[in-house]
Amino acid sequence: MQDSFKFFLLLLLLSVVACQQQPKQEAPVLEKYFQKMPPTDLLRFEVTNDDEMVGGDTIPNSLFFSQMETRLMNGIDYLDNSGELIVLGRYRFPLTDSIEAYLVDMRQNWYKHQSLFLFDQKTQTFTERETVAEFYGGDGGQILTGTWLTDYDGDGKKDLIRREIEHWLDVSGDEPKDMTAEHAVLLLWQNGQFVETAADSAELVKRFPITSLWE
């Protein structure tokens, strides 16, 4: 009986030591800049006329870019060195059991941009980026982007419907006319990433509206 008790204590001690030796999963460096949000069935990301830089925590540029691989930032075409770049952490939420989405808001002069950065909790790295809201352009024309996050195909996984409104001034007639054209693309969640998939753009435009800046 005494030997059995000693054996039990030995197993308990080994178990405690093993637990102590397990590496702790560290939180991402940028986590503290984002408000945690619970899972949700539907989200809409967009830029509006009354959109102000509130409700976010400014991230130091050097810290932000040190955490993002160059390939993740290459698709953001309109950031440059002409003015001060402001990076805001909005919120983060679980996208899957192992992937968390971080909404980052970037501002530079007139340019507004929002991206979802996907953080893989297993590898502790940001793996993908998707533009979800944007406004850019000049006197000749502007483009507004907004996005819906929802389970479009009913497979239990969140998908993206990215909407775009193009605006320009038609000066071909006697009087200038404000012109707009709307488009949409579908990105389904497949194999750990959002994949652009063929869909009826006109149907998506009707089902998933975004707020226009020119009405």
Protein backbone atom coordinates (compact mmCIF):
# COMPACT_ATOMS: atom_id res chain seq x y z
CA MET A 1 0.00 0.00 0.00
CA GLN A 2 2.85 2.36 0.86
CA ASP A 3 4.62 1.57 -2.44
CA SER A 4 1.42 2.31 -4.37
CA PHE A 5 1.10 5.67 -2.62
CA LYS A 6 4.73 6.53 -3.45
CA PHE A 7 4.12 5.57 -7.08
CA PHE A 8 1.05 7.80 -7.17
CA LEU A 9 3.05 10.74 -5.78
CA LEU A 10 5.76 10.14 -8.39
CA LEU A 11 3.23 10.21 -11.21
CA LEU A 12 1.71 13.41 -9.81
CA LEU A 13 5.13 15.06 -9.58
CA LEU A 14 6.01 14.06 -13.16
CA SER A 15 2.70 15.44 -14.36
CA VAL A 16 3.33 18.80 -12.66
CA VAL A 17 6.84 19.02 -14.11
CA ALA A 18 5.56 18.18 -17.60
CA CYS A 19 2.92 20.91 -17.39
CA GLN A 20 5.51 23.44 -16.29
CA GLN A 21 7.74 22.56 -19.24
CA GLN A 22 4.98 23.10 -21.81
CA PRO A 23 5.69 26.32 -23.72
CA LYS A 24 3.12 29.00 -23.01
CA GLN A 25 1.27 30.36 -26.02
CA GLU A 26 2.12 34.03 -26.11
CA ALA A 27 -0.44 36.61 -27.15
CA PRO A 28 0.38 38.50 -30.37
CA VAL A 29 2.31 41.71 -29.77
CA LEU A 30 -0.45 43.84 -31.30
CA GLU A 31 -3.29 42.30 -29.30
CA LYS A 32 -3.50 45.06 -26.69
CA TYR A 33 -4.33 47.65 -29.36
CA PHE A 34 -7.56 45.91 -30.36
CA GLN A 35 -10.87 45.61 -28.56
CA LYS A 36 -11.99 41.98 -28.28
CA MET A 37 -15.33 41.26 -29.89
CA PRO A 38 -17.36 38.03 -29.55
CA PRO A 39 -18.22 35.90 -32.61
CA THR A 40 -20.95 37.40 -34.76
CA ASP A 41 -23.05 36.19 -37.68
CA LEU A 42 -22.80 39.40 -39.69
CA LEU A 43 -20.44 42.36 -39.98
CA ARG A 44 -20.28 45.26 -42.42
CA PHE A 45 -17.15 47.30 -43.00
CA GLU A 46 -17.36 50.65 -44.79
CA VAL A 47 -16.13 54.24 -45.00
CA THR A 48 -18.70 57.02 -44.55
CA ASN A 49 -18.70 60.81 -44.73
CA ASP A 50 -18.95 61.16 -40.94
CA ASP A 51 -16.26 58.56 -40.32
CA GLU A 52 -13.86 59.99 -37.75
CA MET A 53 -10.75 58.54 -36.16
CA VAL A 54 -12.44 57.54 -32.94
CA GLY A 55 -12.85 54.27 -31.12
CA GLY A 56 -9.41 52.96 -31.96
CA ASP A 57 -5.98 52.78 -30.41
CA THR A 58 -3.07 54.24 -32.41
CA ILE A 59 -0.37 51.65 -33.12
CA PRO A 60 3.24 52.89 -33.51
CA ASN A 61 4.14 52.50 -37.18
CA SER A 62 7.46 50.81 -36.44
CA LEU A 63 5.75 48.22 -34.24
CA PHE A 64 2.95 47.56 -36.72
CA PHE A 65 5.21 47.04 -39.73
CA SER A 66 7.61 44.88 -37.73
CA GLN A 67 4.74 42.39 -37.23
CA MET A 68 3.61 42.29 -40.86
CA GLU A 69 5.41 40.54 -43.68
CA THR A 70 6.02 42.68 -46.75
CA ARG A 71 3.81 40.44 -48.88
CA LEU A 72 0.83 41.30 -46.67
CA MET A 73 1.30 45.03 -47.24
CA ASN A 74 2.11 44.97 -50.96
CA GLY A 75 -1.54 44.89 -51.96
CA ILE A 76 -2.24 48.27 -50.34
CA ASP A 77 -1.39 50.43 -53.33
CA TYR A 78 -2.01 53.97 -52.17
CA LEU A 79 0.12 54.35 -49.07
CA ASP A 80 3.17 56.54 -49.73
CA ASN A 81 5.66 58.81 -48.03
CA SER A 82 3.83 62.06 -48.78
CA GLY A 83 2.23 62.36 -45.38
CA GLU A 84 2.06 60.90 -41.92
CA LEU A 85 0.51 57.45 -41.79
CA ILE A 86 -1.82 56.76 -38.86
CA VAL A 87 -2.50 53.12 -37.97
CA LEU A 88 -5.45 52.36 -35.70
CA GLY A 89 -6.38 49.07 -34.06
CA ARG A 90 -10.16 48.68 -34.16
CA TYR A 91 -11.23 45.24 -32.91
CA ARG A 92 -10.46 41.54 -33.15
CA PHE A 93 -12.75 38.54 -33.29
CA PRO A 94 -12.55 34.78 -33.89
CA LEU A 95 -12.92 33.81 -37.54
CA THR A 96 -12.40 30.07 -37.01
CA ASP A 97 -11.32 27.90 -34.07
CA SER A 98 -7.66 28.74 -34.71
CA ILE A 99 -7.73 32.00 -36.67
CA GLU A 100 -8.50 35.44 -35.29
CA ALA A 101 -9.27 38.47 -37.47
CA TYR A 102 -7.81 41.90 -36.63
CA LEU A 103 -9.45 44.99 -38.14
CA VAL A 104 -6.78 47.60 -38.89
CA ASP A 105 -7.70 51.15 -39.95
CA MET A 106 -5.04 53.16 -41.84
CA ARG A 107 -5.24 56.87 -42.67
CA GLN A 108 -2.94 59.05 -44.75
CA ASN A 109 -4.06 62.46 -45.95
CA TRP A 110 -7.33 61.82 -47.84
CA TYR A 111 -6.74 58.08 -48.14
CA LYS A 112 -8.76 55.74 -45.88
CA HIS A 113 -8.18 52.02 -45.73
CA GLN A 114 -9.36 49.11 -43.58
CA SER A 115 -7.99 45.58 -43.74
CA LEU A 116 -8.65 42.33 -41.92
CA PHE A 117 -5.36 40.72 -40.90
CA LEU A 118 -5.71 37.03 -40.11
CA PHE A 119 -3.73 35.74 -37.14
CA ASP A 120 -3.01 32.00 -36.95
CA GLN A 121 -2.95 31.09 -33.27
CA LYS A 122 -1.11 27.82 -33.98
CA THR A 123 1.86 29.44 -35.72
CA GLN A 124 1.51 32.78 -33.87
CA THR A 125 1.82 34.73 -37.11
CA PHE A 126 -0.29 36.93 -39.34
CA THR A 127 -0.85 34.88 -42.47
CA GLU A 128 -3.30 36.73 -44.73
CA ARG A 129 -4.77 40.18 -45.34
CA GLU A 130 -8.02 41.23 -47.01
CA THR A 131 -9.07 44.78 -47.90
CA VAL A 132 -12.56 45.35 -46.47
CA ALA A 133 -13.09 49.13 -46.76
CA GLU A 134 -11.34 51.87 -48.67
CA PHE A 135 -11.71 55.33 -50.19
CA TYR A 136 -9.27 56.78 -52.69
CA GLY A 137 -9.19 58.94 -55.79
CA GLY A 138 -8.91 62.55 -56.90
CA ASP A 139 -10.77 65.22 -58.86
CA GLY A 140 -11.16 62.90 -61.84
CA GLY A 141 -12.90 60.15 -59.91
CA GLN A 142 -13.00 58.16 -56.70
CA ILE A 143 -13.57 54.55 -55.67
CA LEU A 144 -15.32 53.48 -52.48
CA THR A 145 -15.05 49.93 -51.14
CA GLY A 146 -17.08 48.22 -48.44
CA THR A 147 -17.46 44.58 -47.38
CA TRP A 148 -19.93 42.23 -45.73
CA LEU A 149 -18.73 39.29 -43.63
CA THR A 150 -21.31 36.51 -43.42
CA ASP A 151 -21.87 32.83 -44.17
CA TYR A 152 -22.89 33.29 -47.80
CA ASP A 153 -23.01 29.64 -48.89
CA GLY A 154 -24.36 28.16 -45.65
CA ASP A 155 -21.38 25.91 -44.92
CA GLY A 156 -20.86 27.30 -41.42
CA LYS A 157 -17.83 29.39 -42.43
CA LYS A 158 -17.70 33.16 -42.83
CA ASP A 159 -17.28 34.54 -46.36
CA LEU A 160 -16.69 38.04 -47.75
CA ILE A 161 -18.79 40.02 -50.21
CA ARG A 162 -16.69 42.98 -51.30
CA ARG A 163 -18.61 45.90 -52.78
CA GLU A 164 -17.28 48.78 -54.85
CA ILE A 165 -18.80 52.07 -55.98
CA GLU A 166 -16.93 54.00 -58.67
CA HIS A 167 -17.69 57.72 -59.02
CA TRP A 168 -16.71 60.17 -61.74
CA LEU A 169 -17.84 63.40 -63.39
CA ASP A 170 -19.11 63.04 -66.95
CA VAL A 171 -18.26 66.23 -68.88
CA SER A 172 -19.11 64.93 -72.34
CA GLY A 173 -22.47 66.77 -72.46
CA ASP A 174 -23.61 70.32 -72.03
CA GLU A 175 -23.78 69.97 -68.27
CA PRO A 176 -21.43 67.89 -66.07
CA LYS A 177 -23.12 64.83 -64.57
CA ASP A 178 -22.24 62.80 -61.50
CA MET A 179 -21.91 59.16 -62.54
CA THR A 180 -21.59 56.02 -60.44
CA ALA A 181 -21.13 52.33 -61.19
CA GLU A 182 -21.40 49.53 -58.65
CA HIS A 183 -19.66 46.16 -58.60
CA ALA A 184 -19.25 43.22 -56.23
CA VAL A 185 -17.07 40.14 -55.82
CA LEU A 186 -17.57 37.03 -53.69
CA LEU A 187 -14.76 35.53 -51.63
CA LEU A 188 -15.55 32.16 -50.06
CA TRP A 189 -13.58 30.75 -47.13
CA GLN A 190 -11.64 27.75 -48.46
CA ASN A 191 -8.58 25.98 -47.05
CA GLY A 192 -7.76 28.69 -44.53
CA GLN A 193 -8.16 31.71 -46.78
CA PHE A 194 -10.68 33.80 -48.70
CA VAL A 195 -10.85 32.75 -52.36
CA GLU A 196 -12.51 34.87 -55.07
CA THR A 197 -15.34 32.84 -56.58
CA ALA A 198 -17.54 33.40 -59.61
CA ALA A 199 -20.87 35.06 -58.72
CA ASP A 200 -23.53 37.36 -60.16
CA SER A 201 -22.23 40.86 -59.45
CA ALA A 202 -25.60 42.54 -59.99
CA GLU A 203 -27.30 40.17 -57.57
CA LEU A 204 -24.63 40.78 -54.92
CA VAL A 205 -25.00 44.54 -55.35
CA LYS A 206 -28.73 44.30 -54.59
CA ARG A 207 -28.35 41.97 -51.61
CA PHE A 208 -25.36 43.64 -49.96
CA PRO A 209 -25.58 47.45 -50.15
CA ILE A 210 -23.01 49.88 -48.80
CA THR A 211 -23.42 53.56 -47.97
CA SER A 212 -22.65 55.77 -50.95
CA LEU A 213 -20.74 59.03 -50.49
CA TRP A 214 -22.45 60.67 -53.49
CA GLU A 215 -26.18 60.52 -52.73
